[in-house]
Amino acid sequence: MTTAAPLGNNTLSPTNVTTKSQEEIFYQSSGAIVAAIVVGVIIIFTVVLLMLKMYNRHMRAKRELEPTSTKAKTPPTFGQNSTNANQPTTVTIIPVDIHMQNR
Protein backbone atom coordinates (compact mmCIF):
# COMPACT_ATOMS: atom_id res chain seq x y z
CA MET A 1 0.00 0.00 0.00
CA THR A 2 1.18 3.40 -0.79
CA THR A 3 0.41 6.39 1.34
CA ALA A 4 0.24 9.94 0.19
CA ALA A 5 2.66 12.38 1.69
CA PRO A 6 1.14 15.38 3.50
CA LEU A 7 0.99 18.48 1.31
CA GLY A 8 1.69 21.03 3.98
CA ASN A 9 0.10 24.44 4.45
CA ASN A 10 -2.79 24.98 1.96
CA THR A 11 -3.90 28.46 3.04
CA LEU A 12 -3.82 31.26 0.48
CA SER A 13 -1.79 34.29 1.26
CA PRO A 14 -3.56 37.68 0.96
CA THR A 15 -1.04 38.90 -1.60
CA ASN A 16 -2.34 36.48 -4.25
CA VAL A 17 -6.04 37.34 -3.85
CA THR A 18 -7.30 40.49 -5.56
CA THR A 19 -10.10 42.11 -3.67
CA LYS A 20 -12.43 44.59 -5.33
CA SER A 21 -14.31 47.21 -3.47
CA GLN A 22 -18.06 47.51 -3.75
CA GLU A 23 -17.63 50.72 -5.76
CA GLU A 24 -15.43 49.03 -8.41
CA ILE A 25 -17.94 46.21 -8.81
CA PHE A 26 -20.74 48.79 -9.21
CA TYR A 27 -18.84 50.71 -11.89
CA GLN A 28 -18.11 47.55 -13.86
CA SER A 29 -21.69 46.33 -13.70
CA SER A 30 -23.10 49.76 -14.63
CA GLY A 31 -20.77 49.88 -17.64
CA ALA A 32 -22.04 46.49 -18.74
CA ILE A 33 -25.64 47.65 -18.35
CA VAL A 34 -25.01 50.78 -20.42
CA ALA A 35 -23.32 48.72 -23.13
CA ALA A 36 -26.28 46.32 -23.21
CA ILE A 37 -28.73 49.23 -23.53
CA VAL A 38 -26.71 50.76 -26.39
CA VAL A 39 -26.58 47.44 -28.23
CA GLY A 40 -30.34 46.99 -27.71
CA VAL A 41 -31.10 50.45 -29.10
CA ILE A 42 -28.92 49.78 -32.15
CA ILE A 43 -30.71 46.48 -32.77
CA ILE A 44 -34.14 48.11 -32.47
CA PHE A 45 -33.09 50.96 -34.79
CA THR A 46 -31.81 48.44 -37.36
CA VAL A 47 -35.05 46.42 -37.25
CA VAL A 48 -37.20 49.55 -37.70
CA LEU A 49 -35.02 50.72 -40.59
CA LEU A 50 -35.29 47.35 -42.34
CA MET A 51 -39.07 47.33 -41.86
CA LEU A 52 -39.37 50.80 -43.38
CA LYS A 53 -37.23 49.78 -46.35
CA MET A 54 -39.39 46.71 -46.95
CA TYR A 55 -42.58 48.78 -46.68
CA ASN A 56 -41.20 51.37 -49.11
CA ARG A 57 -40.21 48.66 -51.59
CA HIS A 58 -43.65 47.05 -51.28
CA MET A 59 -45.48 50.33 -51.84
CA ARG A 60 -43.29 51.26 -54.81
CA ALA A 61 -43.97 47.89 -56.44
CA LYS A 62 -47.67 48.31 -55.76
CA ARG A 63 -47.69 51.77 -57.38
CA GLU A 64 -45.79 50.55 -60.42
CA LEU A 65 -48.12 47.59 -60.94
CA GLU A 66 -51.33 49.64 -60.69
CA PRO A 67 -53.05 50.28 -64.01
CA THR A 68 -52.91 53.91 -65.01
CA SER A 69 -56.14 55.49 -66.24
CA THR A 70 -56.17 57.07 -69.70
CA LYS A 71 -58.50 59.89 -68.65
CA ALA A 72 -56.91 62.98 -67.21
CA LYS A 73 -58.05 63.51 -63.67
CA THR A 74 -59.58 66.93 -63.04
CA PRO A 75 -59.75 68.32 -59.54
CA PRO A 76 -63.28 68.79 -58.21
CA THR A 77 -64.51 72.38 -58.32
CA PHE A 78 -66.94 72.27 -55.38
CA GLY A 79 -64.95 70.15 -52.94
CA GLN A 80 -64.41 66.49 -52.24
CA ASN A 81 -67.98 65.57 -51.20
CA SER A 82 -69.87 67.50 -53.83
CA THR A 83 -72.22 65.68 -56.18
CA ASN A 84 -71.72 68.32 -58.88
CA ALA A 85 -68.00 67.73 -59.11
CA ASN A 86 -68.19 65.92 -62.46
CA GLN A 87 -70.75 68.26 -64.07
CA PRO A 88 -69.64 71.36 -65.95
CA THR A 89 -70.47 74.65 -64.32
CA THR A 90 -72.86 77.03 -66.12
CA VAL A 91 -73.08 80.77 -65.71
CA THR A 92 -76.41 82.54 -66.13
CA ILE A 93 -76.17 86.14 -67.24
CA ILE A 94 -79.03 88.42 -66.33
CA PRO A 95 -79.17 91.63 -68.35
CA VAL A 96 -79.22 94.84 -66.36
CA ASP A 97 -82.05 96.54 -68.23
CA ILE A 98 -84.67 93.99 -67.08
CA HIS A 99 -86.65 95.42 -64.19
CA MET A 100 -87.85 93.24 -61.37
CA GLN A 101 -91.61 93.00 -60.79
CA ASN A 102 -91.59 93.04 -56.98
CA ARG A 103 -90.97 96.80 -56.57
C-alpha atoms as a PDB file:
ATOM      1  CA  MET A   1       0.000   0.000   0.000  1.00  0.00           C
ATOM      2  CA  THR A   2       1.181   3.399  -0.791  1.00  0.00           C
ATOM      3  CA  THR A   3       0.413   6.389   1.339  1.00  0.00           C
ATOM      4  CA  ALA A   4       0.244   9.944   0.192  1.00  0.00           C
ATOM      5  CA  ALA A   5       2.658  12.385   1.691  1.00  0.00           C
ATOM      6  CA  PRO A   6       1.140  15.382   3.505  1.00  0.00           C
ATOM      7  CA  LEU A   7       0.993  18.476   1.308  1.00  0.00           C
ATOM      8  CA  GLY A   8       1.690  21.027   3.982  1.00  0.00           C
ATOM      9  CA  ASN A   9       0.101  24.441   4.450  1.00  0.00           C
ATOM     10  CA  ASN A  10      -2.793  24.984   1.957  1.00  0.00           C
ATOM     11  CA  THR A  11      -3.898  28.462   3.035  1.00  0.00           C
ATOM     12  CA  LEU A  12      -3.819  31.257   0.476  1.00  0.00           C
ATOM     13  CA  SER A  13      -1.787  34.288   1.255  1.00  0.00           C
ATOM     14  CA  PRO A  14      -3.558  37.683   0.961  1.00  0.00           C
ATOM     15  CA  THR A  15      -1.042  38.902  -1.600  1.00  0.00           C
ATOM     16  CA  ASN A  16      -2.341  36.479  -4.246  1.00  0.00           C
ATOM     17  CA  VAL A  17      -6.043  37.337  -3.846  1.00  0.00           C
ATOM     18  CA  THR A  18      -7.296  40.485  -5.560  1.00  0.00           C
ATOM     19  CA  THR A  19     -10.103  42.107  -3.672  1.00  0.00           C
ATOM     20  CA  LYS A  20     -12.426  44.588  -5.330  1.00  0.00           C
ATOM     21  CA  SER A  21     -14.312  47.208  -3.474  1.00  0.00           C
ATOM     22  CA  GLN A  22     -18.059  47.510  -3.746  1.00  0.00           C
ATOM     23  CA  GLU A  23     -17.634  50.717  -5.760  1.00  0.00           C
ATOM     24  CA  GLU A  24     -15.434  49.035  -8.411  1.00  0.00           C
ATOM     25  CA  ILE A  25     -17.944  46.214  -8.806  1.00  0.00           C
ATOM     26  CA  PHE A  26     -20.742  48.787  -9.206  1.00  0.00           C
ATOM     27  CA  TYR A  27     -18.843  50.709 -11.888  1.00  0.00           C
ATOM     28  CA  GLN A  28     -18.107  47.549 -13.856  1.00  0.00           C
ATOM     29  CA  SER A  29     -21.688  46.328 -13.704  1.00  0.00           C
ATOM     30  CA  SER A  30     -23.097  49.758 -14.631  1.00  0.00           C
ATOM     31  CA  GLY A  31     -20.773  49.878 -17.640  1.00  0.00           C
ATOM     32  CA  ALA A  32     -22.037  46.487 -18.745  1.00  0.00           C
ATOM     33  CA  ILE A  33     -25.642  47.652 -18.355  1.00  0.00           C
ATOM     34  CA  VAL A  34     -25.009  50.784 -20.417  1.00  0.00           C
ATOM     35  CA  ALA A  35     -23.316  48.717 -23.128  1.00  0.00           C
ATOM     36  CA  ALA A  36     -26.282  46.320 -23.207  1.00  0.00           C
ATOM     37  CA  ILE A  37     -28.730  49.227 -23.531  1.00  0.00           C
ATOM     38  CA  VAL A  38     -26.707  50.764 -26.385  1.00  0.00           C
ATOM     39  CA  VAL A  39     -26.580  47.437 -28.229  1.00  0.00           C
ATOM     40  CA  GLY A  40     -30.337  46.995 -27.712  1.00  0.00           C
ATOM     41  CA  VAL A  41     -31.105  50.454 -29.102  1.00  0.00           C
ATOM     42  CA  ILE A  42     -28.916  49.781 -32.146  1.00  0.00           C
ATOM     43  CA  ILE A  43     -30.705  46.480 -32.773  1.00  0.00           C
ATOM     44  CA  ILE A  44     -34.142  48.113 -32.467  1.00  0.00           C
ATOM     45  CA  PHE A  45     -33.088  50.957 -34.791  1.00  0.00           C
ATOM     46  CA  THR A  46     -31.814  48.440 -37.361  1.00  0.00           C
ATOM     47  CA  VAL A  47     -35.048  46.424 -37.249  1.00  0.00           C
ATOM     48  CA  VAL A  48     -37.198  49.555 -37.698  1.00  0.00           C
ATOM     49  CA  LEU A  49     -35.016  50.719 -40.586  1.00  0.00           C
ATOM     50  CA  LEU A  50     -35.288  47.352 -42.336  1.00  0.00           C
ATOM     51  CA  MET A  51     -39.068  47.327 -41.858  1.00  0.00           C
ATOM     52  CA  LEU A  52     -39.371  50.800 -43.382  1.00  0.00           C
ATOM     53  CA  LYS A  53     -37.232  49.779 -46.349  1.00  0.00           C
ATOM     54  CA  MET A  54     -39.389  46.708 -46.947  1.00  0.00           C
ATOM     55  CA  TYR A  55     -42.581  48.784 -46.679  1.00  0.00           C
ATOM     56  CA  ASN A  56     -41.198  51.366 -49.105  1.00  0.00           C
ATOM     57  CA  ARG A  57     -40.211  48.657 -51.586  1.00  0.00           C
ATOM     58  CA  HIS A  58     -43.650  47.054 -51.277  1.00  0.00           C
ATOM     59  CA  MET A  59     -45.482  50.334 -51.841  1.00  0.00           C
ATOM     60  CA  ARG A  60     -43.286  51.262 -54.814  1.00  0.00           C
ATOM     61  CA  ALA A  61     -43.971  47.888 -56.443  1.00  0.00           C
ATOM     62  CA  LYS A  62     -47.674  48.310 -55.760  1.00  0.00           C
ATOM     63  CA  ARG A  63     -47.688  51.771 -57.380  1.00  0.00           C
ATOM     64  CA  GLU A  64     -45.786  50.545 -60.424  1.00  0.00           C
ATOM     65  CA  LEU A  65     -48.120  47.593 -60.944  1.00  0.00           C
ATOM     66  CA  GLU A  66     -51.329  49.638 -60.693  1.00  0.00           C
ATOM     67  CA  PRO A  67     -53.046  50.282 -64.008  1.00  0.00           C
ATOM     68  CA  THR A  68     -52.912  53.915 -65.011  1.00  0.00           C
ATOM     69  CA  SER A  69     -56.137  55.487 -66.237  1.00  0.00           C
ATOM     70  CA  THR A  70     -56.168  57.066 -69.700  1.00  0.00           C
ATOM     71  CA  LYS A  71     -58.497  59.886 -68.648  1.00  0.00           C
ATOM     72  CA  ALA A  72     -56.915  62.978 -67.214  1.00  0.00           C
ATOM     73  CA  LYS A  73     -58.050  63.506 -63.671  1.00  0.00           C
ATOM     74  CA  THR A  74     -59.578  66.929 -63.044  1.00  0.00           C
ATOM     75  CA  PRO A  75     -59.749  68.323 -59.536  1.00  0.00           C
ATOM     76  CA  PRO A  76     -63.278  68.789 -58.211  1.00  0.00           C
ATOM     77  CA  THR A  77     -64.512  72.380 -58.316  1.00  0.00           C
ATOM     78  CA  PHE A  78     -66.942  72.268 -55.384  1.00  0.00           C
ATOM     79  CA  GLY A  79     -64.949  70.151 -52.935  1.00  0.00           C
ATOM     80  CA  GLN A  80     -64.406  66.492 -52.238  1.00  0.00           C
ATOM     81  CA  ASN A  81     -67.977  65.574 -51.197  1.00  0.00           C
ATOM     82  CA  SER A  82     -69.867  67.504 -53.828  1.00  0.00           C
ATOM     83  CA  THR A  83     -72.219  65.676 -56.183  1.00  0.00           C
ATOM     84  CA  ASN A  84     -71.719  68.323 -58.876  1.00  0.00           C
ATOM     85  CA  ALA A  85     -68.003  67.726 -59.110  1.00  0.00           C
ATOM     86  CA  ASN A  86     -68.192  65.922 -62.458  1.00  0.00           C
ATOM     87  CA  GLN A  87     -70.751  68.261 -64.069  1.00  0.00           C
ATOM     88  CA  PRO A  88     -69.644  71.360 -65.948  1.00  0.00           C
ATOM     89  CA  THR A  89     -70.470  74.653 -64.322  1.00  0.00           C
ATOM     90  CA  THR A  90     -72.857  77.029 -66.116  1.00  0.00           C
ATOM     91  CA  VAL A  91     -73.079  80.768 -65.707  1.00  0.00           C
ATOM     92  CA  THR A  92     -76.415  82.540 -66.134  1.00  0.00           C
ATOM     93  CA  ILE A  93     -76.170  86.141 -67.242  1.00  0.00           C
ATOM     94  CA  ILE A  94     -79.034  88.417 -66.329  1.00  0.00           C
ATOM     95  CA  PRO A  95     -79.172  91.628 -68.348  1.00  0.00           C
ATOM     96  CA  VAL A  96     -79.215  94.845 -66.360  1.00  0.00           C
ATOM     97  CA  ASP A  97     -82.053  96.536 -68.232  1.00  0.00           C
ATOM     98  CA  ILE A  98     -84.665  93.990 -67.084  1.00  0.00           C
ATOM     99  CA  HIS A  99     -86.651  95.419 -64.190  1.00  0.00           C
ATOM    100  CA  MET A 100     -87.851  93.243 -61.369  1.00  0.00           C
ATOM    101  CA  GLN A 101     -91.610  92.997 -60.790  1.00  0.00           C
ATOM    102  CA  ASN A 102     -91.589  93.043 -56.983  1.00  0.00           C
ATOM    103  CA  ARG A 103     -90.967  96.803 -56.572  1.00  0.00           C
END
